Amino acid sequence: MKKDLFAELETSVRQGGRILSKSEAAARSFELPEQDVAAIREAYGLSQEKFASLLGISVRTLQNWEQGRRTPRGPARVLLRVAALHPDAVLDVVRPRRKPSRRVPAK
């Protein structure tokens, strides 16, 4: 059984190498549409500084995206898609949490 699993893993790693070297096409891929970063930020009603902080990126990176000098890639594209489609999910992560109130039981 272990030899079979190792052989399967080896085959998978070799295939991954071929895909990375572009000598073989991936069986599936995920394409995210381009996002209008400025429009997303404006929908949040945030300055560039605050929106960059929300995303965990530098203001310069955000400016480059908004002005078309750079394009968000990888995880940043996914995060922008989530920010555009589910703003509450993003805001829930960064909002300070209130501690649950502790009630003192009445005697």
Protein backbone atom coordinates (compact mmCIF):
# COMPACT_ATOMS: atom_id res chain seq x y z
CA MET A 1 0.00 0.00 0.00
CA LYS A 2 2.77 2.46 0.88
CA LYS A 3 4.51 1.85 -2.45
CA ASP A 4 1.26 2.57 -4.29
CA LEU A 5 0.77 5.85 -2.41
CA PHE A 6 4.36 6.88 -3.02
CA ALA A 7 4.06 6.09 -6.74
CA GLU A 8 0.88 8.17 -6.93
CA LEU A 9 2.57 11.06 -5.12
CA GLU A 10 5.61 10.84 -7.40
CA THR A 11 3.41 10.90 -10.49
CA SER A 12 1.55 13.92 -9.13
CA VAL A 13 4.76 15.82 -8.36
CA ARG A 14 6.15 15.10 -11.83
CA GLN A 15 2.90 16.28 -13.40
CA GLY A 16 3.04 19.46 -11.29
CA GLY A 17 6.56 20.09 -12.57
CA ARG A 18 5.41 19.73 -16.18
CA ILE A 19 2.52 22.12 -15.54
CA LEU A 20 4.83 24.71 -13.94
CA SER A 21 7.27 24.43 -16.85
CA LYS A 22 4.30 24.86 -19.21
CA SER A 23 5.05 21.61 -21.03
CA GLU A 24 1.63 20.31 -19.95
CA ALA A 25 -1.66 22.09 -19.43
CA ALA A 26 -3.38 21.91 -16.06
CA ALA A 27 -6.51 19.78 -15.96
CA ARG A 28 -8.41 22.68 -14.43
CA SER A 29 -7.79 26.29 -13.64
CA PHE A 30 -9.63 29.12 -11.95
CA GLU A 31 -9.78 32.54 -13.52
CA LEU A 32 -10.98 35.48 -11.51
CA PRO A 33 -12.22 38.51 -13.42
CA GLU A 34 -10.35 41.80 -13.11
CA GLN A 35 -11.59 43.87 -10.20
CA ASP A 36 -12.12 47.63 -10.19
CA VAL A 37 -10.11 48.21 -7.03
CA ALA A 38 -11.02 51.89 -6.74
CA ALA A 39 -14.74 51.06 -7.03
CA ILE A 40 -14.45 48.41 -4.32
CA ARG A 41 -12.67 50.87 -2.01
CA GLU A 42 -15.23 53.59 -2.72
CA ALA A 43 -18.07 51.15 -1.92
CA TYR A 44 -16.50 50.75 1.52
CA GLY A 45 -16.30 54.53 1.86
CA LEU A 46 -12.66 54.32 2.92
CA SER A 47 -9.60 56.38 2.10
CA GLN A 48 -6.71 54.69 0.34
CA GLU A 49 -4.83 54.55 3.64
CA LYS A 50 -7.67 52.86 5.51
CA PHE A 51 -8.54 50.44 2.70
CA ALA A 52 -4.87 49.45 2.30
CA SER A 53 -4.71 48.82 6.04
CA LEU A 54 -7.89 46.74 5.86
CA LEU A 55 -6.33 44.55 3.16
CA GLY A 56 -2.93 44.40 4.83
CA ILE A 57 -1.08 46.01 1.92
CA SER A 58 0.87 49.21 1.47
CA VAL A 59 -0.79 52.39 0.23
CA ARG A 60 1.67 52.39 -2.67
CA THR A 61 0.51 48.92 -3.74
CA LEU A 62 -3.12 50.04 -3.61
CA GLN A 63 -2.31 53.16 -5.63
CA ASN A 64 -0.51 51.05 -8.23
CA TRP A 65 -3.55 48.78 -8.54
CA GLU A 66 -6.00 51.66 -8.78
CA GLN A 67 -3.92 53.47 -11.39
CA GLY A 68 -3.35 50.35 -13.49
CA ARG A 69 0.43 50.24 -13.03
CA ARG A 70 0.18 46.82 -11.37
CA THR A 71 -2.41 44.07 -11.27
CA PRO A 72 -3.36 42.19 -8.10
CA ARG A 73 -2.32 38.55 -8.30
CA GLY A 74 -2.96 35.32 -6.44
CA PRO A 75 -4.41 35.69 -2.95
CA ALA A 76 -4.86 39.45 -3.41
CA ARG A 77 -7.24 38.83 -6.32
CA VAL A 78 -9.24 36.40 -4.20
CA LEU A 79 -9.35 38.84 -1.28
CA LEU A 80 -10.55 41.65 -3.56
CA ARG A 81 -13.25 39.38 -4.97
CA VAL A 82 -14.42 38.53 -1.45
CA ALA A 83 -14.27 42.22 -0.51
CA ALA A 84 -16.42 43.08 -3.53
CA LEU A 85 -19.00 40.33 -3.10
CA HIS A 86 -19.11 39.90 0.68
CA PRO A 87 -18.08 43.11 2.44
CA ASP A 88 -19.52 41.96 5.76
CA ALA A 89 -17.19 38.95 5.75
CA VAL A 90 -14.17 41.24 5.43
CA LEU A 91 -15.45 43.75 7.97
CA ASP A 92 -16.36 41.02 10.48
CA VAL A 93 -12.73 39.93 10.55
CA VAL A 94 -11.35 43.37 11.36
CA ARG A 95 -14.06 44.75 13.63
CA PRO A 96 -13.14 44.75 17.30
CA ARG A 97 -15.06 42.06 19.12
CA ARG A 98 -17.00 42.95 22.18
CA LYS A 99 -16.37 40.68 25.09
CA PRO A 100 -19.46 38.78 26.10
CA SER A 101 -20.97 40.37 29.14
CA ARG A 102 -20.59 38.34 32.26
CA ARG A 103 -23.64 38.43 34.35
CA VAL A 104 -23.29 37.96 38.00
CA PRO A 105 -26.00 35.58 39.09
CA ALA A 106 -28.51 37.09 41.48
CA LYS A 107 -28.53 35.65 44.97
